[in-house]
Amino acid sequence: MSTKRELYRDPKRGKVAGVCAGLSDYFNIELWLVRIIYVTAVLLAGGPLFIVAYIAAWFILDVKPVDERTKDAEKAAHVGEVKAKVWQKGEPPRKALKELKDFMGDLDERIQRMETHVTSPTFTVSREINKL
């Protein structure tokens, strides 16, 4: 099943209007590389033409629809949650750091349990049986 790619502007990731960010998403390349290519094209190959093309794309392209299920949205929500806890609610930074330390400690324990399970003889035997 192939998914249809569409070209959108992404003003949330963009500096001016999100045209370069949209091109970055469409061609699946790094945003900084698209910006460097654009600036190089403006400086070396006829600035007014590329500036007019950028402005036209600004008006022609639709804004990228918001997808709540993406990892970027989750990361932004987590960062916003930490920021809200520390600066907006007046929580002392030491308490926020303690919460983060506890969270990382829990993750470390889970990883250690997974490592113990994967390196155990029981796991090896189960894997060999499943291969049969």
N, C-alpha and C. Protein backbone atom coordinates (compact mmCIF):
# COMPACT_ATOMS: atom_id res chain seq x y z
N MET A 1 0.85 -1.18 0.00
CA MET A 1 0.00 0.00 0.00
C MET A 1 0.89 1.23 0.00
N SER A 2 0.76 2.09 -0.99
CA SER A 2 1.59 3.29 -1.07
C SER A 2 0.80 4.49 -0.57
N THR A 3 1.49 5.36 0.12
CA THR A 3 0.85 6.55 0.62
C THR A 3 1.13 7.70 -0.32
N LYS A 4 0.16 8.52 -0.54
CA LYS A 4 0.31 9.66 -1.44
C LYS A 4 0.92 10.82 -0.67
N ARG A 5 2.05 11.31 -1.17
CA ARG A 5 2.70 12.45 -0.53
C ARG A 5 2.16 13.73 -1.14
N GLU A 6 1.95 14.71 -0.29
CA GLU A 6 1.49 16.02 -0.75
C GLU A 6 2.41 17.08 -0.21
N LEU A 7 2.56 18.14 -0.98
CA LEU A 7 3.43 19.25 -0.60
C LEU A 7 2.63 20.28 0.17
N TYR A 8 3.05 20.54 1.40
CA TYR A 8 2.41 21.53 2.26
C TYR A 8 3.46 22.49 2.79
N ARG A 9 3.00 23.63 3.28
CA ARG A 9 3.87 24.52 4.06
C ARG A 9 3.82 24.05 5.50
N ASP A 10 4.91 24.23 6.23
CA ASP A 10 4.94 23.85 7.64
C ASP A 10 5.44 25.06 8.45
N PRO A 11 4.53 26.01 8.75
CA PRO A 11 4.96 27.23 9.44
C PRO A 11 5.48 26.98 10.86
N LYS A 12 5.12 25.87 11.47
CA LYS A 12 5.61 25.59 12.82
C LYS A 12 7.10 25.32 12.83
N ARG A 13 7.61 24.67 11.80
CA ARG A 13 9.04 24.37 11.71
C ARG A 13 9.79 25.42 10.89
N GLY A 14 9.06 26.27 10.17
CA GLY A 14 9.68 27.23 9.27
C GLY A 14 10.09 28.52 9.96
N LYS A 15 10.97 29.25 9.29
CA LYS A 15 11.41 30.55 9.80
C LYS A 15 10.54 31.68 9.28
N VAL A 16 10.23 31.66 7.98
CA VAL A 16 9.44 32.74 7.38
C VAL A 16 8.00 32.29 7.17
N ALA A 17 7.80 31.33 6.28
CA ALA A 17 6.43 30.87 6.00
C ALA A 17 6.30 29.37 6.00
N GLY A 18 7.42 28.65 6.14
CA GLY A 18 7.37 27.21 6.20
C GLY A 18 7.48 26.52 4.86
N VAL A 19 7.85 27.26 3.80
CA VAL A 19 7.98 26.65 2.48
C VAL A 19 9.15 25.67 2.47
N CYS A 20 10.29 26.08 2.97
CA CYS A 20 11.46 25.19 3.01
C CYS A 20 11.18 23.97 3.90
N ALA A 21 10.47 24.16 5.00
CA ALA A 21 10.12 23.04 5.88
C ALA A 21 9.20 22.07 5.15
N GLY A 22 8.28 22.59 4.36
CA GLY A 22 7.40 21.74 3.57
C GLY A 22 8.16 20.95 2.52
N LEU A 23 9.11 21.61 1.85
CA LEU A 23 9.95 20.91 0.87
C LEU A 23 10.79 19.84 1.55
N SER A 24 11.27 20.14 2.74
CA SER A 24 12.05 19.17 3.51
C SER A 24 11.23 17.93 3.81
N ASP A 25 10.00 18.11 4.22
CA ASP A 25 9.12 16.97 4.50
C ASP A 25 8.80 16.19 3.23
N TYR A 26 8.54 16.91 2.15
CA TYR A 26 8.13 16.27 0.90
C TYR A 26 9.25 15.41 0.32
N PHE A 27 10.47 15.95 0.30
CA PHE A 27 11.60 15.22 -0.27
C PHE A 27 12.34 14.37 0.76
N ASN A 28 11.93 14.45 2.02
CA ASN A 28 12.50 13.66 3.11
C ASN A 28 14.01 13.90 3.25
N ILE A 29 14.36 15.19 3.31
CA ILE A 29 15.75 15.57 3.56
C ILE A 29 15.78 16.57 4.70
N GLU A 30 16.96 16.79 5.23
CA GLU A 30 17.11 17.67 6.38
C GLU A 30 16.71 19.11 6.03
N LEU A 31 16.06 19.77 6.98
CA LEU A 31 15.59 21.14 6.78
C LEU A 31 16.75 22.11 6.54
N TRP A 32 17.83 21.96 7.29
CA TRP A 32 18.96 22.88 7.12
C TRP A 32 19.56 22.76 5.72
N LEU A 33 19.52 21.58 5.13
CA LEU A 33 20.05 21.40 3.79
C LEU A 33 19.18 22.12 2.76
N VAL A 34 17.87 22.04 2.92
CA VAL A 34 16.96 22.74 2.01
C VAL A 34 17.20 24.25 2.11
N ARG A 35 17.37 24.75 3.32
CA ARG A 35 17.62 26.19 3.49
C ARG A 35 18.93 26.62 2.83
N ILE A 36 19.97 25.80 2.98
CA ILE A 36 21.26 26.13 2.36
C ILE A 36 21.14 26.13 0.84
N ILE A 37 20.44 25.14 0.30
CA ILE A 37 20.25 25.08 -1.16
C ILE A 37 19.48 26.30 -1.63
N TYR A 38 18.44 26.69 -0.91
CA TYR A 38 17.64 27.85 -1.31
C TYR A 38 18.46 29.13 -1.27
N VAL A 39 19.18 29.35 -0.18
CA VAL A 39 19.98 30.57 -0.06
C VAL A 39 21.07 30.60 -1.13
N THR A 40 21.69 29.48 -1.40
CA THR A 40 22.70 29.40 -2.44
C THR A 40 22.09 29.72 -3.80
N ALA A 41 20.91 29.19 -4.06
CA ALA A 41 20.24 29.48 -5.33
C ALA A 41 19.90 30.95 -5.46
N VAL A 42 19.45 31.57 -4.37
CA VAL A 42 19.13 32.99 -4.40
C VAL A 42 20.38 33.81 -4.68
N LEU A 43 21.48 33.47 -4.03
CA LEU A 43 22.71 34.25 -4.18
C LEU A 43 23.41 34.02 -5.52
N LEU A 44 23.37 32.81 -6.04
CA LEU A 44 24.17 32.50 -7.23
C LEU A 44 23.38 32.43 -8.54
N ALA A 45 22.11 32.18 -8.48
CA ALA A 45 21.37 31.91 -9.72
C ALA A 45 20.16 32.81 -9.90
N GLY A 46 20.26 34.05 -9.65
CA GLY A 46 19.13 34.95 -9.91
C GLY A 46 18.20 35.08 -8.73
N GLY A 47 18.53 35.96 -7.83
CA GLY A 47 17.77 36.15 -6.60
C GLY A 47 16.31 36.46 -6.78
N PRO A 48 15.95 37.44 -7.62
CA PRO A 48 14.53 37.80 -7.73
C PRO A 48 13.63 36.65 -8.16
N LEU A 49 14.11 35.79 -9.03
CA LEU A 49 13.31 34.67 -9.49
C LEU A 49 12.97 33.72 -8.34
N PHE A 50 13.96 33.37 -7.54
CA PHE A 50 13.72 32.46 -6.43
C PHE A 50 12.91 33.10 -5.31
N ILE A 51 13.09 34.39 -5.11
CA ILE A 51 12.30 35.09 -4.09
C ILE A 51 10.83 35.14 -4.51
N VAL A 52 10.57 35.42 -5.78
CA VAL A 52 9.19 35.43 -6.28
C VAL A 52 8.59 34.02 -6.20
N ALA A 53 9.39 33.00 -6.52
CA ALA A 53 8.91 31.61 -6.43
C ALA A 53 8.57 31.25 -4.99
N TYR A 54 9.39 31.70 -4.02
CA TYR A 54 9.13 31.44 -2.61
C TYR A 54 7.82 32.10 -2.18
N ILE A 55 7.64 33.35 -2.57
CA ILE A 55 6.41 34.08 -2.20
C ILE A 55 5.19 33.42 -2.85
N ALA A 56 5.34 32.98 -4.11
CA ALA A 56 4.22 32.29 -4.77
C ALA A 56 3.89 30.99 -4.05
N ALA A 57 4.91 30.24 -3.66
CA ALA A 57 4.67 29.00 -2.92
C ALA A 57 4.01 29.29 -1.59
N TRP A 58 4.38 30.40 -0.97
CA TRP A 58 3.78 30.82 0.29
C TRP A 58 2.26 30.94 0.14
N PHE A 59 1.82 31.55 -0.96
CA PHE A 59 0.39 31.76 -1.15
C PHE A 59 -0.32 30.56 -1.76
N ILE A 60 0.39 29.75 -2.53
CA ILE A 60 -0.25 28.63 -3.23
C ILE A 60 -0.39 27.40 -2.33
N LEU A 61 0.64 27.08 -1.58
CA LEU A 61 0.63 25.86 -0.78
C LEU A 61 -0.26 25.98 0.44
N ASP A 62 -0.96 24.90 0.75
CA ASP A 62 -1.79 24.84 1.95
C ASP A 62 -0.90 24.60 3.16
N VAL A 63 -1.40 24.98 4.33
CA VAL A 63 -0.69 24.74 5.58
C VAL A 63 -0.80 23.26 5.90
N LYS A 64 0.28 22.69 6.43
CA LYS A 64 0.31 21.27 6.78
C LYS A 64 -0.74 20.99 7.85
N PRO A 65 -1.60 19.97 7.62
CA PRO A 65 -2.59 19.64 8.64
C PRO A 65 -1.92 19.07 9.89
N VAL A 66 -2.52 19.32 11.03
CA VAL A 66 -1.95 18.88 12.31
C VAL A 66 -2.32 17.41 12.51
N ASP A 67 -1.31 16.59 12.82
CA ASP A 67 -1.53 15.17 13.12
C ASP A 67 -1.10 14.95 14.56
N GLU A 68 -2.04 14.71 15.43
CA GLU A 68 -1.78 14.58 16.86
C GLU A 68 -1.01 13.32 17.22
N ARG A 69 -0.97 12.36 16.30
CA ARG A 69 -0.37 11.07 16.63
C ARG A 69 1.12 10.99 16.29
N THR A 70 1.70 12.05 15.82
CA THR A 70 3.10 11.97 15.44
C THR A 70 4.01 12.07 16.65
N LYS A 71 5.22 11.60 16.48
CA LYS A 71 6.19 11.65 17.57
C LYS A 71 6.58 13.08 17.89
N ASP A 72 6.62 13.94 16.87
CA ASP A 72 6.97 15.33 17.12
C ASP A 72 5.96 16.00 18.05
N ALA A 73 4.69 15.67 17.85
CA ALA A 73 3.66 16.25 18.70
C ALA A 73 3.82 15.74 20.13
N GLU A 74 4.18 14.46 20.27
CA GLU A 74 4.37 13.91 21.61
C GLU A 74 5.56 14.57 22.30
N LYS A 75 6.65 14.75 21.56
CA LYS A 75 7.82 15.39 22.14
C LYS A 75 7.49 16.83 22.54
N ALA A 76 6.79 17.54 21.68
CA ALA A 76 6.43 18.92 21.99
C ALA A 76 5.52 18.98 23.21
N ALA A 77 4.60 18.03 23.31
CA ALA A 77 3.70 18.00 24.46
C ALA A 77 4.49 17.73 25.74
N HIS A 78 5.47 16.82 25.68
CA HIS A 78 6.27 16.52 26.86
C HIS A 78 7.11 17.73 27.27
N VAL A 79 7.73 18.39 26.30
CA VAL A 79 8.51 19.58 26.61
C VAL A 79 7.61 20.66 27.19
N GLY A 80 6.43 20.83 26.60
CA GLY A 80 5.49 21.81 27.12
C GLY A 80 5.03 21.46 28.52
N GLU A 81 4.89 20.17 28.81
CA GLU A 81 4.48 19.73 30.14
C GLU A 81 5.55 20.07 31.17
N VAL A 82 6.81 19.78 30.84
CA VAL A 82 7.90 20.10 31.76
C VAL A 82 7.99 21.61 31.95
N LYS A 83 7.88 22.36 30.85
CA LYS A 83 7.96 23.82 30.93
C LYS A 83 6.81 24.35 31.79
N ALA A 84 5.62 23.80 31.60
CA ALA A 84 4.48 24.25 32.39
C ALA A 84 4.70 23.94 33.86
N LYS A 85 5.27 22.79 34.15
CA LYS A 85 5.50 22.42 35.55
C LYS A 85 6.48 23.36 36.21
N VAL A 86 7.58 23.63 35.53
CA VAL A 86 8.66 24.38 36.17
C VAL A 86 8.39 25.88 36.19
N TRP A 87 8.10 26.48 35.04
CA TRP A 87 8.04 27.93 34.98
C TRP A 87 6.64 28.49 35.17
N GLN A 88 5.63 27.82 34.67
CA GLN A 88 4.30 28.40 34.74
C GLN A 88 3.60 28.11 36.06
N LYS A 89 3.90 26.99 36.67
CA LYS A 89 3.24 26.66 37.93
C LYS A 89 4.07 27.08 39.13
N GLY A 90 5.24 27.60 38.89
CA GLY A 90 6.07 28.07 39.99
C GLY A 90 6.75 26.95 40.75
N GLU A 91 6.82 25.75 40.18
CA GLU A 91 7.48 24.64 40.84
C GLU A 91 8.98 24.88 40.87
N PRO A 92 9.61 24.66 42.00
CA PRO A 92 11.05 24.90 42.07
C PRO A 92 11.81 23.96 41.13
N PRO A 93 12.88 24.45 40.52
CA PRO A 93 13.65 23.63 39.58
C PRO A 93 14.19 22.35 40.22
N ARG A 94 14.54 22.39 41.51
CA ARG A 94 15.07 21.19 42.16
C ARG A 94 14.03 20.08 42.19
N LYS A 95 12.78 20.46 42.42
CA LYS A 95 11.72 19.46 42.45
C LYS A 95 11.52 18.87 41.05
N ALA A 96 11.55 19.72 40.04
CA ALA A 96 11.39 19.24 38.66
C ALA A 96 12.55 18.32 38.29
N LEU A 97 13.76 18.67 38.68
CA LEU A 97 14.91 17.82 38.40
C LEU A 97 14.81 16.49 39.15
N LYS A 98 14.29 16.53 40.36
CA LYS A 98 14.09 15.28 41.11
C LYS A 98 13.09 14.38 40.40
N GLU A 99 12.01 14.97 39.90
CA GLU A 99 11.02 14.18 39.16
C GLU A 99 11.65 13.57 37.92
N LEU A 100 12.46 14.34 37.20
CA LEU A 100 13.13 13.82 36.02
C LEU A 100 14.11 12.71 36.39
N LYS A 101 14.83 12.89 37.51
CA LYS A 101 15.78 11.88 37.96
C LYS A 101 15.04 10.59 38.31
N ASP A 102 13.90 10.70 39.00
CA ASP A 102 13.09 9.52 39.33
C ASP A 102 12.59 8.82 38.07
N PHE A 103 12.14 9.61 37.10
CA PHE A 103 11.66 9.07 35.84
C PHE A 103 12.77 8.31 35.12
N MET A 104 13.96 8.91 35.05
CA MET A 104 15.09 8.25 34.39
C MET A 104 15.53 7.01 35.17
N GLY A 105 15.45 7.04 36.50
CA GLY A 105 15.77 5.87 37.30
C GLY A 105 14.83 4.71 37.01
N ASP A 106 13.53 5.02 36.88
CA ASP A 106 12.55 3.99 36.53
C ASP A 106 12.85 3.39 35.16
N LEU A 107 13.20 4.24 34.21
CA LEU A 107 13.57 3.74 32.88
C LEU A 107 14.79 2.84 32.95
N ASP A 108 15.77 3.24 33.74
CA ASP A 108 16.99 2.45 33.88
C ASP A 108 16.67 1.06 34.46
N GLU A 109 15.80 1.02 35.46
CA GLU A 109 15.40 -0.26 36.05
C GLU A 109 14.69 -1.15 35.03
N ARG A 110 13.82 -0.55 34.21
CA ARG A 110 13.12 -1.33 33.20
C ARG A 110 14.09 -1.89 32.17
N ILE A 111 15.06 -1.10 31.77
CA ILE A 111 16.05 -1.57 30.80
C ILE A 111 16.89 -2.69 31.39
N GLN A 112 17.25 -2.56 32.67
CA GLN A 112 18.02 -3.63 33.32
C GLN A 112 17.22 -4.93 33.37
N ARG A 113 15.91 -4.84 33.67
CA ARG A 113 15.07 -6.05 33.70
C ARG A 113 14.97 -6.67 32.31
N MET A 114 14.84 -5.84 31.28
CA MET A 114 14.77 -6.36 29.92
C MET A 114 16.09 -7.03 29.54
N GLU A 115 17.19 -6.41 29.89
CA GLU A 115 18.50 -6.99 29.59
C GLU A 115 18.69 -8.33 30.30
N THR A 116 18.27 -8.40 31.55
CA THR A 116 18.36 -9.65 32.31
C THR A 116 17.53 -10.74 31.63
N HIS A 117 16.34 -10.39 31.19
CA HIS A 117 15.47 -11.36 30.53
C HIS A 117 16.07 -11.84 29.21
N VAL A 118 16.59 -10.91 28.41
CA VAL A 118 17.12 -11.26 27.09
C VAL A 118 18.38 -12.11 27.20
N THR A 119 19.17 -11.89 28.23
CA THR A 119 20.41 -12.66 28.39
C THR A 119 20.21 -13.94 29.20
N SER A 120 19.01 -14.21 29.62
CA SER A 120 18.75 -15.41 30.42
C SER A 120 18.69 -16.66 29.54
N PRO A 121 19.01 -17.82 30.12
CA PRO A 121 18.92 -19.08 29.36
C PRO A 121 17.48 -19.39 28.93
N THR A 122 16.51 -18.99 29.73
CA THR A 122 15.11 -19.23 29.39
C THR A 122 14.74 -18.56 28.08
N PHE A 123 15.19 -17.32 27.91
CA PHE A 123 14.90 -16.59 26.68
C PHE A 123 15.56 -17.28 25.49
N THR A 124 16.80 -17.72 25.66
CA THR A 124 17.52 -18.39 24.58
C THR A 124 16.81 -19.68 24.18
N VAL A 125 16.39 -20.47 25.16
CA VAL A 125 15.69 -21.72 24.87
C VAL A 125 14.36 -21.42 24.18
N SER A 126 13.62 -20.44 24.66
CA SER A 126 12.33 -20.09 24.05
C SER A 126 12.53 -19.65 22.60
N ARG A 127 13.58 -18.89 22.35
CA ARG A 127 13.85 -18.42 20.99
C ARG A 127 14.19 -19.59 20.08
N GLU A 128 14.98 -20.53 20.56
CA GLU A 128 15.35 -21.71 19.77
C GLU A 128 14.12 -22.59 19.48
N ILE A 129 13.23 -22.71 20.45
CA ILE A 129 12.01 -23.49 20.25
C ILE A 129 11.13 -22.82 19.21
N ASN A 130 11.03 -21.52 19.25
CA ASN A 130 10.21 -20.78 18.29
C ASN A 130 10.77 -20.88 16.87
N LYS A 131 12.07 -21.08 16.75
CA LYS A 131 12.66 -21.22 15.41
C LYS A 131 12.27 -22.54 14.76
N LEU A 132 11.93 -23.55 15.59
CA LEU A 132 11.58 -24.87 15.03
C LEU A 132 10.29 -24.86 14.29
